[in-house]
Amino acid sequence: QVQLVESGGGLVQPGGSLRLSCKASGFTFNDYDIMWYRQAKDRELVATIGSTGSSIVYVPGGRFTISRDNTKNTAFLQMNNLKPEDTGVFFCSARNLDYIYWGQGTQVTVSS
């Protein structure tokens, strides 16, 4: 059974940090690119990391970092200096040429 399970969300004050995790099972994690999306009004792509580790972060300012540990079938999104506009549900997604899988999302709320 294919599963992507996000964790690590929560309520944090502006300027704080969170580390989101995306744990995969039921498929060959190493063969998939991983993406993190944020859903507020729309779903937007936050960061992506390829199966070999090459990554792109679409949030300007260097506040976010995406990484993966293929030995643990887990991807991460480190978010620093969080701002209220970062609030949303964060989803991870795994994709190759044939398939795409989604997690259920984890809520991130940045508020004082």
PDB file of N, CA and C in Angstrom:
ATOM      1  N   GLN A   1       0.845  -1.183   0.000  1.00  0.00           N
ATOM      2  CA  GLN A   1       0.000   0.000   0.000  1.00  0.00           C
ATOM      3  C   GLN A   1       0.891   1.246   0.000  1.00  0.00           C
ATOM      4  N   VAL A   2       0.665   2.105  -0.968  1.00  0.00           N
ATOM      5  CA  VAL A   2       1.449   3.323  -1.081  1.00  0.00           C
ATOM      6  C   VAL A   2       0.983   4.329  -0.041  1.00  0.00           C
ATOM      7  N   GLN A   3       1.952   4.896   0.665  1.00  0.00           N
ATOM      8  CA  GLN A   3       1.629   5.928   1.640  1.00  0.00           C
ATOM      9  C   GLN A   3       2.700   7.010   1.650  1.00  0.00           C
ATOM     10  N   LEU A   4       2.246   8.235   1.801  1.00  0.00           N
ATOM     11  CA  LEU A   4       3.104   9.368   2.109  1.00  0.00           C
ATOM     12  C   LEU A   4       2.485  10.026   3.333  1.00  0.00           C
ATOM     13  N   VAL A   5       3.259  10.127   4.389  1.00  0.00           N
ATOM     14  CA  VAL A   5       2.726  10.666   5.633  1.00  0.00           C
ATOM     15  C   VAL A   5       3.574  11.856   6.057  1.00  0.00           C
ATOM     16  N   GLU A   6       2.932  13.016   6.065  1.00  0.00           N
ATOM     17  CA  GLU A   6       3.620  14.229   6.504  1.00  0.00           C
ATOM     18  C   GLU A   6       3.467  14.395   8.013  1.00  0.00           C
ATOM     19  N   SER A   7       4.449  15.017   8.604  1.00  0.00           N
ATOM     20  CA  SER A   7       4.389  15.344  10.025  1.00  0.00           C
ATOM     21  C   SER A   7       5.283  16.561  10.281  1.00  0.00           C
ATOM     22  N   GLY A   8       5.147  17.108  11.476  1.00  0.00           N
ATOM     23  CA  GLY A   8       6.009  18.214  11.877  1.00  0.00           C
ATOM     24  C   GLY A   8       5.363  19.579  11.827  1.00  0.00           C
ATOM     25  N   GLY A   9       4.129  19.664  11.358  1.00  0.00           N
ATOM     26  CA  GLY A   9       3.454  20.946  11.332  1.00  0.00           C
ATOM     27  C   GLY A   9       3.018  21.367  12.722  1.00  0.00           C
ATOM     28  N   GLY A  10       2.461  22.575  12.798  1.00  0.00           N
ATOM     29  CA  GLY A  10       1.981  23.073  14.072  1.00  0.00           C
ATOM     30  C   GLY A  10       1.863  24.579  14.066  1.00  0.00           C
ATOM     31  N   LEU A  11       1.681  25.113  15.246  1.00  0.00           N
ATOM     32  CA  LEU A  11       1.569  26.556  15.442  1.00  0.00           C
ATOM     33  C   LEU A  11       2.928  27.094  15.880  1.00  0.00           C
ATOM     34  N   VAL A  12       3.391  28.112  15.191  1.00  0.00           N
ATOM     35  CA  VAL A  12       4.689  28.696  15.508  1.00  0.00           C
ATOM     36  C   VAL A  12       4.585  30.204  15.391  1.00  0.00           C
ATOM     37  N   GLN A  13       5.360  30.900  16.195  1.00  0.00           N
ATOM     38  CA  GLN A  13       5.367  32.350  16.136  1.00  0.00           C
ATOM     39  C   GLN A  13       6.193  32.834  14.943  1.00  0.00           C
ATOM     40  N   PRO A  14       5.892  34.017  14.450  1.00  0.00           N
ATOM     41  CA  PRO A  14       6.738  34.580  13.378  1.00  0.00           C
ATOM     42  C   PRO A  14       8.203  34.598  13.794  1.00  0.00           C
ATOM     43  N   GLY A  15       9.050  34.216  12.843  1.00  0.00           N
ATOM     44  CA  GLY A  15      10.472  34.102  13.122  1.00  0.00           C
ATOM     45  C   GLY A  15      10.904  32.725  13.581  1.00  0.00           C
ATOM     46  N   GLY A  16       9.948  31.869  13.875  1.00  0.00           N
ATOM     47  CA  GLY A  16      10.272  30.531  14.338  1.00  0.00           C
ATOM     48  C   GLY A  16      10.597  29.575  13.209  1.00  0.00           C
ATOM     49  N   SER A  17      10.855  28.331  13.585  1.00  0.00           N
ATOM     50  CA  SER A  17      11.248  27.304  12.618  1.00  0.00           C
ATOM     51  C   SER A  17      10.410  26.048  12.809  1.00  0.00           C
ATOM     52  N   LEU A  18      10.253  25.330  11.726  1.00  0.00           N
ATOM     53  CA  LEU A  18       9.641  24.008  11.743  1.00  0.00           C
ATOM     54  C   LEU A  18      10.382  23.124  10.757  1.00  0.00           C
ATOM     55  N   ARG A  19      10.406  21.844  11.058  1.00  0.00           N
ATOM     56  CA  ARG A  19      10.953  20.856  10.127  1.00  0.00           C
ATOM     57  C   ARG A  19       9.866  19.852   9.817  1.00  0.00           C
ATOM     58  N   LEU A  20       9.421  19.860   8.582  1.00  0.00           N
ATOM     59  CA  LEU A  20       8.412  18.915   8.139  1.00  0.00           C
ATOM     60  C   LEU A  20       9.082  17.653   7.624  1.00  0.00           C
ATOM     61  N   SER A  21       8.419  16.526   7.864  1.00  0.00           N
ATOM     62  CA  SER A  21       8.896  15.232   7.367  1.00  0.00           C
ATOM     63  C   SER A  21       7.840  14.618   6.473  1.00  0.00           C
ATOM     64  N   CYS A  22       8.296  13.855   5.513  1.00  0.00           N
ATOM     65  CA  CYS A  22       7.420  13.135   4.594  1.00  0.00           C
ATOM     66  C   CYS A  22       7.947  11.701   4.515  1.00  0.00           C
ATOM     67  N   LYS A  23       7.251  10.806   5.187  1.00  0.00           N
ATOM     68  CA  LYS A  23       7.671   9.408   5.260  1.00  0.00           C
ATOM     69  C   LYS A  23       6.944   8.600   4.201  1.00  0.00           C
ATOM     70  N   ALA A  24       7.702   7.893   3.374  1.00  0.00           N
ATOM     71  CA  ALA A  24       7.129   7.139   2.268  1.00  0.00           C
ATOM     72  C   ALA A  24       7.187   5.639   2.534  1.00  0.00           C
ATOM     73  N   SER A  25       6.203   4.929   1.996  1.00  0.00           N
ATOM     74  CA  SER A  25       6.205   3.476   2.055  1.00  0.00           C
ATOM     75  C   SER A  25       5.397   2.941   0.888  1.00  0.00           C
ATOM     76  N   GLY A  26       5.678   1.706   0.516  1.00  0.00           N
ATOM     77  CA  GLY A  26       4.896   1.051  -0.525  1.00  0.00           C
ATOM     78  C   GLY A  26       5.379   1.276  -1.942  1.00  0.00           C
ATOM     79  N   PHE A  27       6.467   2.002  -2.108  1.00  0.00           N
ATOM     80  CA  PHE A  27       7.043   2.198  -3.442  1.00  0.00           C
ATOM     81  C   PHE A  27       8.535   2.456  -3.279  1.00  0.00           C
ATOM     82  N   THR A  28       9.255   2.445  -4.391  1.00  0.00           N
ATOM     83  CA  THR A  28      10.707   2.614  -4.350  1.00  0.00           C
ATOM     84  C   THR A  28      11.037   4.090  -4.270  1.00  0.00           C
ATOM     85  N   PHE A  29      11.218   4.560  -3.061  1.00  0.00           N
ATOM     86  CA  PHE A  29      11.392   5.982  -2.782  1.00  0.00           C
ATOM     87  C   PHE A  29      12.525   6.593  -3.609  1.00  0.00           C
ATOM     88  N   ASN A  30      13.610   5.844  -3.742  1.00  0.00           N
ATOM     89  CA  ASN A  30      14.792   6.367  -4.435  1.00  0.00           C
ATOM     90  C   ASN A  30      14.506   6.761  -5.883  1.00  0.00           C
ATOM     91  N   ASP A  31      13.476   6.187  -6.475  1.00  0.00           N
ATOM     92  CA  ASP A  31      13.193   6.399  -7.902  1.00  0.00           C
ATOM     93  C   ASP A  31      12.285   7.595  -8.164  1.00  0.00           C
ATOM     94  N   TYR A  32      11.904   8.289  -7.109  1.00  0.00           N
ATOM     95  CA  TYR A  32      10.914   9.349  -7.242  1.00  0.00           C
ATOM     96  C   TYR A  32      11.482  10.714  -6.863  1.00  0.00           C
ATOM     97  N   ASP A  33      11.051  11.711  -7.602  1.00  0.00           N
ATOM     98  CA  ASP A  33      11.265  13.092  -7.179  1.00  0.00           C
ATOM     99  C   ASP A  33      10.231  13.429  -6.102  1.00  0.00           C
ATOM    100  N   ILE A  34      10.624  14.281  -5.186  1.00  0.00           N
ATOM    101  CA  ILE A  34       9.731  14.681  -4.098  1.00  0.00           C
ATOM    102  C   ILE A  34       9.483  16.178  -4.182  1.00  0.00           C
ATOM    103  N   MET A  35       8.250  16.533  -4.039  1.00  0.00           N
ATOM    104  CA  MET A  35       7.863  17.939  -4.031  1.00  0.00           C
ATOM    105  C   MET A  35       7.119  18.270  -2.756  1.00  0.00           C
ATOM    106  N   TRP A  36       7.290  19.479  -2.280  1.00  0.00           N
ATOM    107  CA  TRP A  36       6.485  20.042  -1.191  1.00  0.00           C
ATOM    108  C   TRP A  36       5.636  21.166  -1.772  1.00  0.00           C
ATOM    109  N   TYR A  37       4.357  21.135  -1.421  1.00  0.00           N
ATOM    110  CA  TYR A  37       3.419  22.164  -1.829  1.00  0.00           C
ATOM    111  C   TYR A  37       2.798  22.810  -0.597  1.00  0.00           C
ATOM    112  N   ARG A  38       2.397  24.056  -0.743  1.00  0.00           N
ATOM    113  CA  ARG A  38       1.632  24.753   0.286  1.00  0.00           C
ATOM    114  C   ARG A  38       0.271  25.108  -0.273  1.00  0.00           C
ATOM    115  N   GLN A  39      -0.733  24.742   0.500  1.00  0.00           N
ATOM    116  CA  GLN A  39      -2.116  25.056   0.111  1.00  0.00           C
ATOM    117  C   GLN A  39      -2.649  26.128   1.025  1.00  0.00           C
ATOM    118  N   ALA A  40      -2.871  27.300   0.483  1.00  0.00           N
ATOM    119  CA  ALA A  40      -3.598  28.337   1.195  1.00  0.00           C
ATOM    120  C   ALA A  40      -4.840  28.609   0.340  1.00  0.00           C
ATOM    121  N   LYS A  41      -4.854  29.696  -0.382  1.00  0.00           N
ATOM    122  CA  LYS A  41      -5.940  29.898  -1.336  1.00  0.00           C
ATOM    123  C   LYS A  41      -5.768  28.953  -2.528  1.00  0.00           C
ATOM    124  N   ASP A  42      -4.535  28.830  -2.977  1.00  0.00           N
ATOM    125  CA  ASP A  42      -4.185  27.922  -4.068  1.00  0.00           C
ATOM    126  C   ASP A  42      -3.077  26.999  -3.600  1.00  0.00           C
ATOM    127  N   ARG A  43      -2.865  25.939  -4.357  1.00  0.00           N
ATOM    128  CA  ARG A  43      -1.760  25.042  -4.043  1.00  0.00           C
ATOM    129  C   ARG A  43      -0.556  25.507  -4.848  1.00  0.00           C
ATOM    130  N   GLU A  44       0.523  25.838  -4.138  1.00  0.00           N
ATOM    131  CA  GLU A  44       1.713  26.304  -4.818  1.00  0.00           C
ATOM    132  C   GLU A  44       2.910  25.426  -4.477  1.00  0.00           C
ATOM    133  N   LEU A  45       3.783  25.283  -5.449  1.00  0.00           N
ATOM    134  CA  LEU A  45       4.979  24.472  -5.273  1.00  0.00           C
ATOM    135  C   LEU A  45       6.000  25.249  -4.446  1.00  0.00           C
ATOM    136  N   VAL A  46       6.482  24.611  -3.391  1.00  0.00           N
ATOM    137  CA  VAL A  46       7.431  25.250  -2.487  1.00  0.00           C
ATOM    138  C   VAL A  46       8.863  24.827  -2.795  1.00  0.00           C
ATOM    139  N   ALA A  47       9.052  23.523  -3.011  1.00  0.00           N
ATOM    140  CA  ALA A  47      10.409  23.018  -3.239  1.00  0.00           C
ATOM    141  C   ALA A  47      10.317  21.639  -3.864  1.00  0.00           C
ATOM    142  N   THR A  48      11.375  21.272  -4.570  1.00  0.00           N
ATOM    143  CA  THR A  48      11.434  19.949  -5.169  1.00  0.00           C
ATOM    144  C   THR A  48      12.843  19.403  -5.037  1.00  0.00           C
ATOM    145  N   ILE A  49      12.945  18.091  -4.894  1.00  0.00           N
ATOM    146  CA  ILE A  49      14.246  17.448  -4.832  1.00  0.00           C
ATOM    147  C   ILE A  49      14.201  16.193  -5.677  1.00  0.00           C
ATOM    148  N   GLY A  50      15.207  16.033  -6.524  1.00  0.00           N
ATOM    149  CA  GLY A  50      15.255  14.881  -7.399  1.00  0.00           C
ATOM    150  C   GLY A  50      15.744  13.638  -6.683  1.00  0.00           C
ATOM    151  N   SER A  51      15.646  12.526  -7.384  1.00  0.00           N
ATOM    152  CA  SER A  51      16.049  11.253  -6.793  1.00  0.00           C
ATOM    153  C   SER A  51      17.538  11.230  -6.446  1.00  0.00           C
ATOM    154  N   THR A  52      18.327  12.038  -7.156  1.00  0.00           N
ATOM    155  CA  THR A  52      19.771  12.085  -6.880  1.00  0.00           C
ATOM    156  C   THR A  52      20.146  13.185  -5.905  1.00  0.00           C
ATOM    157  N   GLY A  53      19.176  13.972  -5.470  1.00  0.00           N
ATOM    158  CA  GLY A  53      19.446  14.994  -4.472  1.00  0.00           C
ATOM    159  C   GLY A  53      19.499  16.412  -4.975  1.00  0.00           C
ATOM    160  N   SER A  54      19.432  16.616  -6.274  1.00  0.00           N
ATOM    161  CA  SER A  54      19.406  17.984  -6.787  1.00  0.00           C
ATOM    162  C   SER A  54      18.084  18.636  -6.393  1.00  0.00           C
ATOM    163  N   SER A  55      18.144  19.886  -5.997  1.00  0.00           N
ATOM    164  CA  SER A  55      16.948  20.499  -5.419  1.00  0.00           C
ATOM    165  C   SER A  55      16.748  21.924  -5.915  1.00  0.00           C
ATOM    166  N   ILE A  56      15.503  22.342  -5.848  1.00  0.00           N
ATOM    167  CA  ILE A  56      15.137  23.717  -6.140  1.00  0.00           C
ATOM    168  C   ILE A  56      14.135  24.160  -5.091  1.00  0.00           C
ATOM    169  N   VAL A  57      14.352  25.337  -4.529  1.00  0.00           N
ATOM    170  CA  VAL A  57      13.421  25.929  -3.578  1.00  0.00           C
ATOM    171  C   VAL A  57      12.818  27.165  -4.226  1.00  0.00           C
ATOM    172  N   TYR A  58      11.499  27.240  -4.243  1.00  0.00           N
ATOM    173  CA  TYR A  58      10.814  28.310  -4.943  1.00  0.00           C
ATOM    174  C   TYR A  58      10.422  29.464  -4.031  1.00  0.00           C
ATOM    175  N   VAL A  59      10.712  29.333  -2.744  1.00  0.00           N
ATOM    176  CA  VAL A  59      10.457  30.412  -1.790  1.00  0.00           C
ATOM    177  C   VAL A  59      11.704  31.275  -1.726  1.00  0.00           C
ATOM    178  N   PRO A  60      11.601  32.555  -2.050  1.00  0.00           N
ATOM    179  CA  PRO A  60      12.806  33.398  -2.070  1.00  0.00           C
ATOM    180  C   PRO A  60      13.334  33.678  -0.669  1.00  0.00           C
ATOM    181  N   GLY A  61      14.579  33.994  -0.589  1.00  0.00           N
ATOM    182  CA  GLY A  61      15.159  34.448   0.666  1.00  0.00           C
ATOM    183  C   GLY A  61      15.965  33.413   1.411  1.00  0.00           C
ATOM    184  N   GLY A  62      15.998  32.191   0.902  1.00  0.00           N
ATOM    185  CA  GLY A  62      16.829  31.176   1.538  1.00  0.00           C
ATOM    186  C   GLY A  62      16.312  30.681   2.870  1.00  0.00           C
ATOM    187  N   ARG A  63      15.012  30.865   3.131  1.00  0.00           N
ATOM    188  CA  ARG A  63      14.474  30.452   4.425  1.00  0.00           C
ATOM    189  C   ARG A  63      14.159  28.967   4.484  1.00  0.00           C
ATOM    190  N   PHE A  64      13.913  28.361   3.335  1.00  0.00           N
ATOM    191  CA  PHE A  64      13.499  26.956   3.284  1.00  0.00           C
ATOM    192  C   PHE A  64      14.599  26.109   2.663  1.00  0.00           C
ATOM    193  N   THR A  65      14.713  24.877   3.163  1.00  0.00           N
ATOM    194  CA  THR A  65      15.651  23.903   2.609  1.00  0.00           C
ATOM    195  C   THR A  65      14.952  22.567   2.478  1.00  0.00           C
ATOM    196  N   ILE A  66      15.088  21.947   1.333  1.00  0.00           N
ATOM    197  CA  ILE A  66      14.531  20.613   1.128  1.00  0.00           C
ATOM    198  C   ILE A  66      15.665  19.605   1.119  1.00  0.00           C
ATOM    199  N   SER A  67      15.414  18.451   1.697  1.00  0.00           N
ATOM    200  CA  SER A  67      16.419  17.393   1.714  1.00  0.00           C
ATOM    201  C   SER A  67      15.709  16.051   1.731  1.00  0.00           C
ATOM    202  N   ARG A  68      16.482  14.986   1.584  1.00  0.00           N
ATOM    203  CA  ARG A  68      15.917  13.642   1.640  1.00  0.00           C
ATOM    204  C   ARG A  68      16.955  12.691   2.188  1.00  0.00           C
ATOM    205  N   ASP A  69      16.443  11.656   2.830  1.00  0.00           N
ATOM    206  CA  ASP A  69      17.277  10.568   3.319  1.00  0.00           C
ATOM    207  C   ASP A  69      16.724   9.292   2.712  1.00  0.00           C
ATOM    208  N   ASN A  70      17.347   8.840   1.645  1.00  0.00           N
ATOM    209  CA  ASN A  70      16.833   7.657   0.952  1.00  0.00           C
ATOM    210  C   ASN A  70      16.933   6.390   1.792  1.00  0.00           C
ATOM    211  N   THR A  71      17.834   6.376   2.765  1.00  0.00           N
ATOM    212  CA  THR A  71      17.944   5.197   3.628  1.00  0.00           C
ATOM    213  C   THR A  71      16.753   5.087   4.571  1.00  0.00           C
ATOM    214  N   LYS A  72      16.063   6.201   4.789  1.00  0.00           N
ATOM    215  CA  LYS A  72      14.905   6.213   5.685  1.00  0.00           C
ATOM    216  C   LYS A  72      13.601   6.479   4.934  1.00  0.00           C
ATOM    217  N   ASN A  73      13.679   6.519   3.601  1.00  0.00           N
ATOM    218  CA  ASN A  73      12.486   6.792   2.784  1.00  0.00           C
ATOM    219  C   ASN A  73      11.753   8.047   3.254  1.00  0.00           C
ATOM    220  N   THR A  74      12.511   9.058   3.560  1.00  0.00           N
ATOM    221  CA  THR A  74      11.929  10.266   4.140  1.00  0.00           C
ATOM    222  C   THR A  74      12.515  11.516   3.484  1.00  0.00           C
ATOM    223  N   ALA A  75      11.632  12.466   3.237  1.00  0.00           N
ATOM    224  CA  ALA A  75      12.049  13.776   2.767  1.00  0.00           C
ATOM    225  C   ALA A  75      11.713  14.810   3.837  1.00  0.00           C
ATOM    226  N   PHE A  76      12.424  15.919   3.785  1.00  0.00           N
ATOM    227  CA  PHE A  76      12.272  16.932   4.814  1.00  0.00           C
ATOM    228  C   PHE A  76      12.133  18.314   4.171  1.00  0.00           C
ATOM    229  N   LEU A  77      11.450  19.185   4.896  1.00  0.00           N
ATOM    230  CA  LEU A  77      11.413  20.595   4.527  1.00  0.00           C
ATOM    231  C   LEU A  77      11.714  21.392   5.790  1.00  0.00           C
ATOM    232  N   GLN A  78      12.896  21.969   5.835  1.00  0.00           N
ATOM    233  CA  GLN A  78      13.284  22.822   6.952  1.00  0.00           C
ATOM    234  C   GLN A  78      12.852  24.245   6.634  1.00  0.00           C
ATOM    235  N   MET A  79      12.084  24.822   7.533  1.00  0.00           N
ATOM    236  CA  MET A  79      11.551  26.168   7.322  1.00  0.00           C
ATOM    237  C   MET A  79      11.993  27.053   8.476  1.00  0.00           C
ATOM    238  N   ASN A  80      12.741  28.080   8.148  1.00  0.00           N
ATOM    239  CA  ASN A  80      13.252  29.021   9.150  1.00  0.00           C
ATOM    240  C   ASN A  80      12.667  30.407   8.937  1.00  0.00           C
ATOM    241  N   ASN A  81      12.746  31.215   9.972  1.00  0.00           N
ATOM    242  CA  ASN A  81      12.246  32.599   9.899  1.00  0.00           C
ATOM    243  C   ASN A  81      10.844  32.633   9.288  1.00  0.00           C
ATOM    244  N   LEU A  82       9.978  31.840   9.846  1.00  0.00           N
ATOM    245  CA  LEU A  82       8.631  31.710   9.290  1.00  0.00           C
ATOM    246  C   LEU A  82       7.851  33.008   9.414  1.00  0.00           C
ATOM    247  N   LYS A  83       6.998  33.236   8.421  1.00  0.00           N
ATOM    248  CA  LYS A  83       6.186  34.443   8.349  1.00  0.00           C
ATOM    249  C   LYS A  83       4.713  34.060   8.310  1.00  0.00           C
ATOM    250  N   PRO A  84       3.835  34.951   8.710  1.00  0.00           N
ATOM    251  CA  PRO A  84       2.397  34.618   8.674  1.00  0.00           C
ATOM    252  C   PRO A  84       1.923  34.170   7.291  1.00  0.00           C
ATOM    253  N   GLU A  85       2.520  34.699   6.251  1.00  0.00           N
ATOM    254  CA  GLU A  85       2.101  34.306   4.898  1.00  0.00           C
ATOM    255  C   GLU A  85       2.550  32.903   4.524  1.00  0.00           C
ATOM    256  N   ASP A  86       3.361  32.259   5.375  1.00  0.00           N
ATOM    257  CA  ASP A  86       3.725  30.851   5.146  1.00  0.00           C
ATOM    258  C   ASP A  86       2.624  29.904   5.620  1.00  0.00           C
ATOM    259  N   THR A  87       1.623  30.424   6.302  1.00  0.00           N
ATOM    260  CA  THR A  87       0.539  29.598   6.830  1.00  0.00           C
ATOM    261  C   THR A  87      -0.165  28.838   5.714  1.00  0.00           C
ATOM    262  N   GLY A  88      -0.447  27.575   5.988  1.00  0.00           N
ATOM    263  CA  GLY A  88      -1.170  26.752   5.035  1.00  0.00           C
ATOM    264  C   GLY A  88      -1.018  25.292   5.375  1.00  0.00           C
ATOM    265  N   VAL A  89      -1.617  24.466   4.554  1.00  0.00           N
ATOM    266  CA  VAL A  89      -1.433  23.021   4.663  1.00  0.00           C
ATOM    267  C   VAL A  89      -0.313  22.629   3.709  1.00  0.00           C
ATOM    268  N   PHE A  90       0.677  21.948   4.248  1.00  0.00           N
ATOM    269  CA  PHE A  90       1.833  21.535   3.450  1.00  0.00           C
ATOM    270  C   PHE A  90       1.666  20.062   3.075  1.00  0.00           C
ATOM    271  N   PHE A  91       1.772  19.811   1.784  1.00  0.00           N
ATOM    272  CA  PHE A  91       1.652  18.462   1.242  1.00  0.00           C
ATOM    273  C   PHE A  91       2.987  18.043   0.632  1.00  0.00           C
ATOM    274  N   CYS A  92       3.318  16.776   0.766  1.00  0.00           N
ATOM    275  CA  CYS A  92       4.410  16.250  -0.034  1.00  0.00           C
ATOM    276  C   CYS A  92       3.827  15.360  -1.135  1.00  0.00           C
ATOM    277  N   SER A  93       4.585  15.266  -2.198  1.00  0.00           N
ATOM    278  CA  SER A  93       4.163  14.501  -3.357  1.00  0.00           C
ATOM    279  C   SER A  93       5.377  13.776  -3.914  1.00  0.00           C
ATOM    280  N   ALA A  94       5.171  12.562  -4.360  1.00  0.00           N
ATOM    281  CA  ALA A  94       6.234  11.771  -4.984  1.00  0.00           C
ATOM    282  C   ALA A  94       5.839  11.511  -6.432  1.00  0.00           C
ATOM    283  N   ARG A  95       6.776  11.729  -7.326  1.00  0.00           N
ATOM    284  CA  ARG A  95       6.451  11.643  -8.742  1.00  0.00           C
ATOM    285  C   ARG A  95       7.574  11.000  -9.542  1.00  0.00           C
ATOM    286  N   ASN A  96       7.198  10.106 -10.474  1.00  0.00           N
ATOM    287  CA  ASN A  96       8.137   9.681 -11.509  1.00  0.00           C
ATOM    288  C   ASN A  96       7.417   9.804 -12.846  1.00  0.00           C
ATOM    289  N   LEU A  97       7.940   9.194 -13.874  1.00  0.00           N
ATOM    290  CA  LEU A  97       7.338   9.365 -15.198  1.00  0.00           C
ATOM    291  C   LEU A  97       5.945   8.755 -15.289  1.00  0.00           C
ATOM    292  N   ASP A  98       5.660   7.788 -14.434  1.00  0.00           N
ATOM    293  CA  ASP A  98       4.412   7.036 -14.555  1.00  0.00           C
ATOM    294  C   ASP A  98       3.402   7.324 -13.452  1.00  0.00           C
ATOM    295  N   TYR A  99       3.856   7.694 -12.276  1.00  0.00           N
ATOM    296  CA  TYR A  99       2.959   7.788 -11.132  1.00  0.00           C
ATOM    297  C   TYR A  99       3.199   9.078 -10.352  1.00  0.00           C
ATOM    298  N   ILE A 100       2.158   9.474  -9.637  1.00  0.00           N
ATOM    299  CA  ILE A 100       2.271  10.560  -8.676  1.00  0.00           C
ATOM    300  C   ILE A 100       1.460  10.182  -7.452  1.00  0.00           C
ATOM    301  N   TYR A 101       2.057  10.388  -6.281  1.00  0.00           N
ATOM    302  CA  TYR A 101       1.402  10.073  -5.013  1.00  0.00           C
ATOM    303  C   TYR A 101       1.382  11.321  -4.144  1.00  0.00           C
ATOM    304  N   TRP A 102       0.355  11.395  -3.306  1.00  0.00           N
ATOM    305  CA  TRP A 102       0.185  12.549  -2.431  1.00  0.00           C
ATOM    306  C   TRP A 102       0.006  12.096  -0.987  1.00  0.00           C
ATOM    307  N   GLY A 103       0.518  12.925  -0.081  1.00  0.00           N
ATOM    308  CA  GLY A 103       0.225  12.734   1.323  1.00  0.00           C
ATOM    309  C   GLY A 103      -1.050  13.476   1.699  1.00  0.00           C
ATOM    310  N   GLN A 104      -1.404  13.376   2.977  1.00  0.00           N
ATOM    311  CA  GLN A 104      -2.652  13.970   3.445  1.00  0.00           C
ATOM    312  C   GLN A 104      -2.474  15.413   3.913  1.00  0.00           C
ATOM    313  N   GLY A 105      -1.222  15.838   4.069  1.00  0.00           N
ATOM    314  CA  GLY A 105      -0.951  17.216   4.440  1.00  0.00           C
ATOM    315  C   GLY A 105      -0.757  17.406   5.930  1.00  0.00           C
ATOM    316  N   THR A 106      -0.033  18.470   6.266  1.00  0.00           N
ATOM    317  CA  THR A 106       0.163  18.850   7.660  1.00  0.00           C
ATOM    318  C   THR A 106       0.004  20.367   7.759  1.00  0.00           C
ATOM    319  N   GLN A 107      -0.743  20.786   8.777  1.00  0.00           N
ATOM    320  CA  GLN A 107      -1.071  22.208   8.912  1.00  0.00           C
ATOM    321  C   GLN A 107       0.089  22.958   9.551  1.00  0.00           C
ATOM    322  N   VAL A 108       0.438  24.083   8.936  1.00  0.00           N
ATOM    323  CA  VAL A 108       1.415  25.005   9.494  1.00  0.00           C
ATOM    324  C   VAL A 108       0.714  26.349   9.690  1.00  0.00           C
ATOM    325  N   THR A 109       0.738  26.836  10.913  1.00  0.00           N
ATOM    326  CA  THR A 109       0.140  28.129  11.220  1.00  0.00           C
ATOM    327  C   THR A 109       1.197  29.010  11.864  1.00  0.00           C
ATOM    328  N   VAL A 110       1.437  30.151  11.245  1.00  0.00           N
ATOM    329  CA  VAL A 110       2.420  31.097  11.765  1.00  0.00           C
ATOM    330  C   VAL A 110       1.656  32.313  12.280  1.00  0.00           C
ATOM    331  N   SER A 111       1.652  32.453  13.584  1.00  0.00           N
ATOM    332  CA  SER A 111       0.863  33.513  14.197  1.00  0.00           C
ATOM    333  C   SER A 111       1.408  33.833  15.579  1.00  0.00           C
ATOM    334  N   SER A 112       1.274  35.087  15.951  1.00  0.00           N
ATOM    335  CA  SER A 112       1.668  35.485  17.297  1.00  0.00           C
ATOM    336  C   SER A 112       0.460  35.450  18.231  1.00  0.00           C
TER     337      SER A 112
END
